[in-house]
PDB file of N, CA and C in Angstrom:
ATOM      1  N   MET A   1     -20.641 -22.343 -17.168  1.00  0.00           N
ATOM      2  CA  MET A   1     -21.294 -20.878 -17.578  1.00  0.00           C
ATOM      3  C   MET A   1     -19.593 -20.319 -17.881  1.00  0.00           C
ATOM      4  N   THR A   2     -19.369 -19.685 -18.673  1.00  0.00           N
ATOM      5  CA  THR A   2     -17.792 -19.101 -18.332  1.00  0.00           C
ATOM      6  C   THR A   2     -18.063 -17.934 -18.317  1.00  0.00           C
ATOM      7  N   GLU A   3     -16.529 -16.864 -16.997  1.00  0.00           N
ATOM      8  CA  GLU A   3     -16.707 -15.842 -16.584  1.00  0.00           C
ATOM      9  C   GLU A   3     -15.963 -15.329 -17.703  1.00  0.00           C
ATOM     10  N   ARG A   4     -16.534 -13.833 -17.898  1.00  0.00           N
ATOM     11  CA  ARG A   4     -15.474 -13.217 -19.115  1.00  0.00           C
ATOM     12  C   ARG A   4     -14.753 -12.102 -18.179  1.00  0.00           C
ATOM     13  N   PHE A   5     -12.999 -12.279 -17.741  1.00  0.00           N
ATOM     14  CA  PHE A   5     -11.908 -11.380 -17.336  1.00  0.00           C
ATOM     15  C   PHE A   5     -11.668 -10.112 -18.537  1.00  0.00           C
ATOM     16  N   PRO A   6     -12.062  -8.796 -17.779  1.00  0.00           N
ATOM     17  CA  PRO A   6     -11.630  -7.529 -18.590  1.00  0.00           C
ATOM     18  C   PRO A   6      -9.734  -8.184 -18.906  1.00  0.00           C
ATOM     19  N   ASN A   7      -9.234  -7.553 -19.978  1.00  0.00           N
ATOM     20  CA  ASN A   7      -7.655  -7.642 -20.336  1.00  0.00           C
ATOM     21  C   ASN A   7      -7.083  -6.865 -19.378  1.00  0.00           C
ATOM     22  N   ALA A   8      -5.500  -6.814 -19.265  1.00  0.00           N
ATOM     23  CA  ALA A   8      -4.868  -5.941 -18.725  1.00  0.00           C
ATOM     24  C   ALA A   8      -5.513  -4.509 -18.989  1.00  0.00           C
ATOM     25  N   ASP A   9      -4.974  -3.971 -20.464  1.00  0.00           N
ATOM     26  CA  ASP A   9      -5.790  -3.252 -20.832  1.00  0.00           C
ATOM     27  C   ASP A   9      -6.842  -2.520 -20.010  1.00  0.00           C
ATOM     28  N   ASP A  10      -8.023  -3.003 -20.718  1.00  0.00           N
ATOM     29  CA  ASP A  10      -9.096  -2.396 -19.824  1.00  0.00           C
ATOM     30  C   ASP A  10      -9.525  -2.206 -18.373  1.00  0.00           C
ATOM     31  N   SER A  11      -8.583  -2.781 -18.608  1.00  0.00           N
ATOM     32  CA  SER A  11      -8.441  -3.271 -16.306  1.00  0.00           C
ATOM     33  C   SER A  11      -7.976  -1.150 -15.907  1.00  0.00           C
ATOM     34  N   ALA A  12      -6.593  -1.569 -16.945  1.00  0.00           N
ATOM     35  CA  ALA A  12      -5.850   0.087 -16.881  1.00  0.00           C
ATOM     36  C   ALA A  12      -6.624   1.025 -16.951  1.00  0.00           C
ATOM     37  N   LEU A  13      -7.246   0.814 -18.108  1.00  0.00           N
ATOM     38  CA  LEU A  13      -8.244   2.381 -18.540  1.00  0.00           C
ATOM     39  C   LEU A  13      -8.959   2.268 -17.612  1.00  0.00           C
ATOM     40  N   ALA A  14      -9.641   1.535 -16.599  1.00  0.00           N
ATOM     41  CA  ALA A  14     -11.437   1.523 -15.820  1.00  0.00           C
ATOM     42  C   ALA A  14     -10.459   1.928 -14.243  1.00  0.00           C
ATOM     43  N   ARG A  15      -9.254   2.261 -14.311  1.00  0.00           N
ATOM     44  CA  ARG A  15      -9.227   2.187 -12.831  1.00  0.00           C
ATOM     45  C   ARG A  15      -7.926   4.525 -13.375  1.00  0.00           C
ATOM     46  N   LEU A  16      -7.895   4.353 -14.524  1.00  0.00           N
ATOM     47  CA  LEU A  16      -7.327   5.851 -14.969  1.00  0.00           C
ATOM     48  C   LEU A  16      -8.286   6.280 -14.851  1.00  0.00           C
ATOM     49  N   ARG A  17      -9.685   5.716 -15.459  1.00  0.00           N
ATOM     50  CA  ARG A  17     -11.411   6.919 -15.578  1.00  0.00           C
ATOM     51  C   ARG A  17     -11.228   6.900 -13.609  1.00  0.00           C
ATOM     52  N   VAL A  18     -11.563   5.934 -13.384  1.00  0.00           N
ATOM     53  CA  VAL A  18     -11.293   6.169 -11.799  1.00  0.00           C
ATOM     54  C   VAL A  18     -10.411   7.345 -10.843  1.00  0.00           C
ATOM     55  N   ASP A  19      -9.311   7.149 -11.276  1.00  0.00           N
ATOM     56  CA  ASP A  19      -8.153   8.159 -10.335  1.00  0.00           C
ATOM     57  C   ASP A  19      -8.466   9.661 -11.001  1.00  0.00           C
ATOM     58  N   PHE A  20      -8.603   9.307 -12.217  1.00  0.00           N
ATOM     59  CA  PHE A  20      -8.450  10.776 -12.806  1.00  0.00           C
ATOM     60  C   PHE A  20      -9.832  11.388 -13.164  1.00  0.00           C
ATOM     61  N   PRO A  21     -11.349  11.721 -12.630  1.00  0.00           N
ATOM     62  CA  PRO A  21     -12.272  11.993 -12.816  1.00  0.00           C
ATOM     63  C   PRO A  21     -12.165  13.294 -13.660  1.00  0.00           C
ATOM     64  N   GLY A  22     -11.240  13.811 -14.097  1.00  0.00           N
ATOM     65  CA  GLY A  22     -11.665  14.995 -14.234  1.00  0.00           C
ATOM     66  C   GLY A  22     -11.219  15.621 -15.183  1.00  0.00           C
ATOM     67  N   HIS A  23     -10.649  14.200 -16.507  1.00  0.00           N
ATOM     68  CA  HIS A  23     -10.329  13.471 -17.675  1.00  0.00           C
ATOM     69  C   HIS A  23     -11.207  12.991 -18.450  1.00  0.00           C
ATOM     70  N   ARG A  24     -11.151  12.608 -19.399  1.00  0.00           N
ATOM     71  CA  ARG A  24     -11.902  11.605 -20.780  1.00  0.00           C
ATOM     72  C   ARG A  24     -10.381  11.163 -21.104  1.00  0.00           C
ATOM     73  N   ILE A  25     -10.541   9.655 -21.103  1.00  0.00           N
ATOM     74  CA  ILE A  25      -9.609   8.441 -21.035  1.00  0.00           C
ATOM     75  C   ILE A  25      -9.919   7.958 -21.392  1.00  0.00           C
ATOM     76  N   TRP A  26      -9.202   7.664 -22.859  1.00  0.00           N
ATOM     77  CA  TRP A  26      -9.227   6.277 -23.846  1.00  0.00           C
ATOM     78  C   TRP A  26      -8.515   6.109 -24.597  1.00  0.00           C
ATOM     79  N   ARG A  27      -8.681   5.199 -25.831  1.00  0.00           N
ATOM     80  CA  ARG A  27      -7.273   4.045 -25.901  1.00  0.00           C
ATOM     81  C   ARG A  27      -7.420   5.436 -27.375  1.00  0.00           C
ATOM     82  N   SER A  28      -6.559   5.838 -28.285  1.00  0.00           N
ATOM     83  CA  SER A  28      -6.389   6.060 -29.861  1.00  0.00           C
ATOM     84  C   SER A  28      -6.199   4.892 -30.503  1.00  0.00           C
ATOM     85  N   VAL A  29      -7.129   4.773 -31.925  1.00  0.00           N
ATOM     86  CA  VAL A  29      -7.833   4.555 -32.648  1.00  0.00           C
ATOM     87  C   VAL A  29      -6.042   4.698 -33.485  1.00  0.00           C
ATOM     88  N   ARG A  30      -5.686   3.434 -34.400  1.00  0.00           N
ATOM     89  CA  ARG A  30      -3.999   3.143 -34.925  1.00  0.00           C
ATOM     90  C   ARG A  30      -4.754   3.554 -36.572  1.00  0.00           C
ATOM     91  N   GLY A  31      -4.214   3.553 -38.072  1.00  0.00           N
ATOM     92  CA  GLY A  31      -4.945   3.986 -39.517  1.00  0.00           C
ATOM     93  C   GLY A  31      -4.807   2.823 -39.406  1.00  0.00           C
ATOM     94  N   ASP A  32      -3.845   1.247 -38.685  1.00  0.00           N
ATOM     95  CA  ASP A  32      -4.574   0.034 -39.925  1.00  0.00           C
ATOM     96  C   ASP A  32      -5.864  -0.846 -38.436  1.00  0.00           C
ATOM     97  N   GLY A  33      -6.257   0.238 -37.636  1.00  0.00           N
ATOM     98  CA  GLY A  33      -7.813  -0.339 -36.747  1.00  0.00           C
ATOM     99  C   GLY A  33      -7.110  -0.579 -35.360  1.00  0.00           C
ATOM    100  N   ARG A  34      -5.447  -1.415 -35.114  1.00  0.00           N
ATOM    101  CA  ARG A  34      -5.264  -1.318 -33.604  1.00  0.00           C
ATOM    102  C   ARG A  34      -5.185  -0.091 -32.863  1.00  0.00           C
ATOM    103  N   LEU A  35      -5.254  -0.278 -31.586  1.00  0.00           N
ATOM    104  CA  LEU A  35      -5.415   0.554 -30.482  1.00  0.00           C
ATOM    105  C   LEU A  35      -3.877   0.921 -30.492  1.00  0.00           C
ATOM    106  N   GLY A  36      -3.796   2.275 -30.004  1.00  0.00           N
ATOM    107  CA  GLY A  36      -2.899   3.085 -29.878  1.00  0.00           C
ATOM    108  C   GLY A  36      -2.207   3.957 -28.483  1.00  0.00           C
ATOM    109  N   ASP A  37      -1.853   5.019 -28.657  1.00  0.00           N
ATOM    110  CA  ASP A  37      -2.067   5.623 -27.527  1.00  0.00           C
ATOM    111  C   ASP A  37      -2.511   5.415 -26.317  1.00  0.00           C
ATOM    112  N   TRP A  38      -2.443   6.029 -25.474  1.00  0.00           N
ATOM    113  CA  TRP A  38      -3.229   6.601 -24.122  1.00  0.00           C
ATOM    114  C   TRP A  38      -3.579   7.830 -24.369  1.00  0.00           C
ATOM    115  N   VAL A  39      -4.609   8.483 -23.786  1.00  0.00           N
ATOM    116  CA  VAL A  39      -4.899   9.835 -24.000  1.00  0.00           C
ATOM    117  C   VAL A  39      -5.743  10.351 -23.721  1.00  0.00           C
ATOM    118  N   ALA A  40      -5.199  11.325 -22.503  1.00  0.00           N
ATOM    119  CA  ALA A  40      -6.276  12.178 -21.440  1.00  0.00           C
ATOM    120  C   ALA A  40      -6.955  13.231 -21.654  1.00  0.00           C
ATOM    121  N   THR A  41      -7.896  13.636 -22.075  1.00  0.00           N
ATOM    122  CA  THR A  41      -8.720  15.134 -22.123  1.00  0.00           C
ATOM    123  C   THR A  41      -8.962  15.608 -21.302  1.00  0.00           C
ATOM    124  N   LEU A  42      -8.670  17.266 -20.946  1.00  0.00           N
ATOM    125  CA  LEU A  42      -8.666  17.626 -20.030  1.00  0.00           C
ATOM    126  C   LEU A  42     -10.410  17.726 -19.888  1.00  0.00           C
ATOM    127  N   HIS A  43     -11.240  17.934 -18.427  1.00  0.00           N
ATOM    128  CA  HIS A  43     -12.248  18.278 -18.583  1.00  0.00           C
ATOM    129  C   HIS A  43     -12.823  19.540 -17.418  1.00  0.00           C
ATOM    130  N   ASP A  44     -11.586  18.840 -16.499  1.00  0.00           N
ATOM    131  CA  ASP A  44     -12.523  19.560 -15.308  1.00  0.00           C
ATOM    132  C   ASP A  44     -10.457  20.826 -15.343  1.00  0.00           C
ATOM    133  N   PRO A  45     -10.721  21.782 -15.218  1.00  0.00           N
ATOM    134  CA  PRO A  45      -9.542  22.529 -15.486  1.00  0.00           C
ATOM    135  C   PRO A  45      -8.840  22.383 -13.406  1.00  0.00           C
ATOM    136  N   ALA A  46      -9.624  22.284 -13.089  1.00  0.00           N
ATOM    137  CA  ALA A  46      -8.780  21.483 -11.564  1.00  0.00           C
ATOM    138  C   ALA A  46      -7.186  20.856 -11.309  1.00  0.00           C
ATOM    139  N   ALA A  47      -8.169  19.554 -12.439  1.00  0.00           N
ATOM    140  CA  ALA A  47      -7.454  18.637 -12.380  1.00  0.00           C
ATOM    141  C   ALA A  47      -6.085  18.518 -13.425  1.00  0.00           C
ATOM    142  N   GLY A  48      -5.872  19.627 -14.078  1.00  0.00           N
ATOM    143  CA  GLY A  48      -5.185  19.950 -14.818  1.00  0.00           C
ATOM    144  C   GLY A  48      -4.872  21.097 -15.391  1.00  0.00           C
ATOM    145  N   VAL A  49      -3.434  21.001 -16.957  1.00  0.00           N
ATOM    146  CA  VAL A  49      -3.075  22.545 -16.954  1.00  0.00           C
ATOM    147  C   VAL A  49      -3.213  21.832 -18.831  1.00  0.00           C
ATOM    148  N   GLU A  50      -2.519  21.252 -19.306  1.00  0.00           N
ATOM    149  CA  GLU A  50      -2.258  20.739 -20.711  1.00  0.00           C
ATOM    150  C   GLU A  50      -4.406  19.957 -20.946  1.00  0.00           C
ATOM    151  N   PRO A  51      -4.749  21.186 -22.234  1.00  0.00           N
ATOM    152  CA  PRO A  51      -5.620  20.428 -22.378  1.00  0.00           C
ATOM    153  C   PRO A  51      -5.793  19.414 -23.110  1.00  0.00           C
ATOM    154  N   THR A  52      -4.567  18.273 -23.232  1.00  0.00           N
ATOM    155  CA  THR A  52      -4.790  16.498 -24.117  1.00  0.00           C
ATOM    156  C   THR A  52      -3.088  16.394 -23.614  1.00  0.00           C
ATOM    157  N   VAL A  53      -3.272  14.936 -22.510  1.00  0.00           N
ATOM    158  CA  VAL A  53      -2.182  14.427 -22.428  1.00  0.00           C
ATOM    159  C   VAL A  53      -2.218  12.985 -23.514  1.00  0.00           C
ATOM    160  N   ILE A  54      -1.643  12.443 -23.975  1.00  0.00           N
ATOM    161  CA  ILE A  54      -0.694  11.680 -24.795  1.00  0.00           C
ATOM    162  C   ILE A  54       0.837  10.748 -24.738  1.00  0.00           C
ATOM    163  N   ARG A  55       0.412   9.346 -23.692  1.00  0.00           N
ATOM    164  CA  ARG A  55       1.854   8.751 -23.796  1.00  0.00           C
ATOM    165  C   ARG A  55       1.525   7.265 -24.343  1.00  0.00           C
ATOM    166  N   THR A  56       2.281   6.365 -24.040  1.00  0.00           N
ATOM    167  CA  THR A  56       2.104   4.872 -25.128  1.00  0.00           C
ATOM    168  C   THR A  56       1.790   3.754 -24.333  1.00  0.00           C
ATOM    169  N   ASP A  57       1.726   4.198 -23.247  1.00  0.00           N
ATOM    170  CA  ASP A  57       1.834   2.939 -22.661  1.00  0.00           C
ATOM    171  C   ASP A  57       0.718   3.986 -21.132  1.00  0.00           C
ATOM    172  N   PRO A  58      -0.008   3.201 -20.467  1.00  0.00           N
ATOM    173  CA  PRO A  58      -1.157   3.355 -18.981  1.00  0.00           C
ATOM    174  C   PRO A  58      -0.293   4.012 -17.960  1.00  0.00           C
ATOM    175  N   GLU A  59       1.219   3.365 -17.792  1.00  0.00           N
ATOM    176  CA  GLU A  59       1.892   3.464 -16.636  1.00  0.00           C
ATOM    177  C   GLU A  59       2.463   5.289 -17.154  1.00  0.00           C
ATOM    178  N   ALA A  60       2.924   5.379 -18.306  1.00  0.00           N
ATOM    179  CA  ALA A  60       3.533   7.218 -18.486  1.00  0.00           C
ATOM    180  C   ALA A  60       2.432   7.836 -18.465  1.00  0.00           C
ATOM    181  N   LEU A  61       0.987   7.154 -18.865  1.00  0.00           N
ATOM    182  CA  LEU A  61       0.066   7.964 -18.382  1.00  0.00           C
ATOM    183  C   LEU A  61      -0.611   8.185 -17.242  1.00  0.00           C
ATOM    184  N   ARG A  62      -0.852   7.778 -15.990  1.00  0.00           N
ATOM    185  CA  ARG A  62      -0.514   7.485 -14.978  1.00  0.00           C
ATOM    186  C   ARG A  62       0.319   8.530 -14.602  1.00  0.00           C
ATOM    187  N   ARG A  63       1.754   8.972 -14.643  1.00  0.00           N
ATOM    188  CA  ARG A  63       2.670   9.355 -14.060  1.00  0.00           C
ATOM    189  C   ARG A  63       2.302  10.882 -14.663  1.00  0.00           C
ATOM    190  N   ALA A  64       1.796  11.232 -15.776  1.00  0.00           N
ATOM    191  CA  ALA A  64       1.732  12.472 -16.362  1.00  0.00           C
ATOM    192  C   ALA A  64       0.298  12.521 -16.074  1.00  0.00           C
ATOM    193  N   LEU A  65      -0.248  11.873 -15.549  1.00  0.00           N
ATOM    194  CA  LEU A  65      -1.740  12.579 -14.828  1.00  0.00           C
ATOM    195  C   LEU A  65      -2.015  13.210 -13.592  1.00  0.00           C
ATOM    196  N   GLU A  66      -1.028  12.381 -12.966  1.00  0.00           N
ATOM    197  CA  GLU A  66      -0.146  12.789 -11.707  1.00  0.00           C
ATOM    198  C   GLU A  66       0.651  13.895 -11.753  1.00  0.00           C
ATOM    199  N   GLU A  67       0.992  13.863 -12.228  1.00  0.00           N
ATOM    200  CA  GLU A  67       1.885  15.634 -12.574  1.00  0.00           C
ATOM    201  C   GLU A  67       1.478  16.568 -12.281  1.00  0.00           C
ATOM    202  N   GLU A  68       0.316  16.558 -13.835  1.00  0.00           N
ATOM    203  CA  GLU A  68      -0.602  16.978 -13.964  1.00  0.00           C
ATOM    204  C   GLU A  68      -1.863  18.176 -12.770  1.00  0.00           C
ATOM    205  N   ARG A  69      -1.838  16.816 -12.116  1.00  0.00           N
ATOM    206  CA  ARG A  69      -2.554  17.256 -10.728  1.00  0.00           C
ATOM    207  C   ARG A  69      -1.295  18.013  -9.959  1.00  0.00           C
ATOM    208  N   ASP A  70      -0.498  17.453  -9.800  1.00  0.00           N
ATOM    209  CA  ASP A  70       0.254  18.592  -8.920  1.00  0.00           C
ATOM    210  C   ASP A  70       0.185  19.825  -9.047  1.00  0.00           C
ATOM    211  N   GLN A  71       0.715  19.953 -10.910  1.00  0.00           N
ATOM    212  CA  GLN A  71       0.716  21.670 -11.401  1.00  0.00           C
ATOM    213  C   GLN A  71      -0.465  22.022 -11.134  1.00  0.00           C
ATOM    214  N   ALA A  72      -1.231  21.577 -11.130  1.00  0.00           N
ATOM    215  CA  ALA A  72      -3.186  22.448 -10.920  1.00  0.00           C
ATOM    216  C   ALA A  72      -3.166  22.324  -9.445  1.00  0.00           C
ATOM    217  N   GLU A  73      -2.518  21.836  -8.964  1.00  0.00           N
ATOM    218  CA  GLU A  73      -2.809  22.154  -7.416  1.00  0.00           C
ATOM    219  C   GLU A  73      -1.951  23.125  -6.857  1.00  0.00           C
ATOM    220  N   GLN A  74      -0.441  23.328  -7.628  1.00  0.00           N
ATOM    221  CA  GLN A  74       0.221  24.463  -7.706  1.00  0.00           C
ATOM    222  C   GLN A  74      -0.190  25.748  -7.889  1.00  0.00           C
ATOM    223  N   ARG A  75      -0.936  25.404  -8.664  1.00  0.00           N
ATOM    224  CA  ARG A  75      -1.557  27.071  -9.434  1.00  0.00           C
ATOM    225  C   ARG A  75      -2.695  27.552  -8.662  1.00  0.00           C
ATOM    226  N   ALA A  76      -3.257  26.490  -7.992  1.00  0.00           N
ATOM    227  CA  ALA A  76      -4.375  27.099  -6.874  1.00  0.00           C
ATOM    228  C   ALA A  76      -3.876  27.519  -6.219  1.00  0.00           C
ATOM    229  N   ARG A  77      -2.546  27.138  -5.276  1.00  0.00           N
ATOM    230  CA  ARG A  77      -2.771  27.262  -4.101  1.00  0.00           C
ATOM    231  C   ARG A  77      -1.559  28.897  -4.642  1.00  0.00           C
ATOM    232  N   ALA A  78      -1.036  29.369  -5.470  1.00  0.00           N
ATOM    233  CA  ALA A  78      -0.196  30.425  -5.912  1.00  0.00           C
ATOM    234  C   ALA A  78      -1.591  31.703  -5.938  1.00  0.00           C
ATOM    235  N   ARG A  79      -3.012  30.990  -6.187  1.00  0.00           N
ATOM    236  CA  ARG A  79      -3.836  31.892  -6.443  1.00  0.00           C
ATOM    237  C   ARG A  79      -4.139  33.132  -5.425  1.00  0.00           C
TER     238      ARG A  79
END
């Protein structure tokens, strides 16, 4: 029996979804049908400030979502 292992992108996508549950996170699809940018749409205003965050790779999206979370926390403390 052959085991199935997700590719690195699938693993990165799963980790981002677990770590940032206030966003819907997915890969865009380019005009040629290949996967494109990494996209996060805000669903919980406590989790970020921008409605949509787009980056070219999962590491950049993670950094951007961490910044989003920090900004949302700062806004909440200022209230």
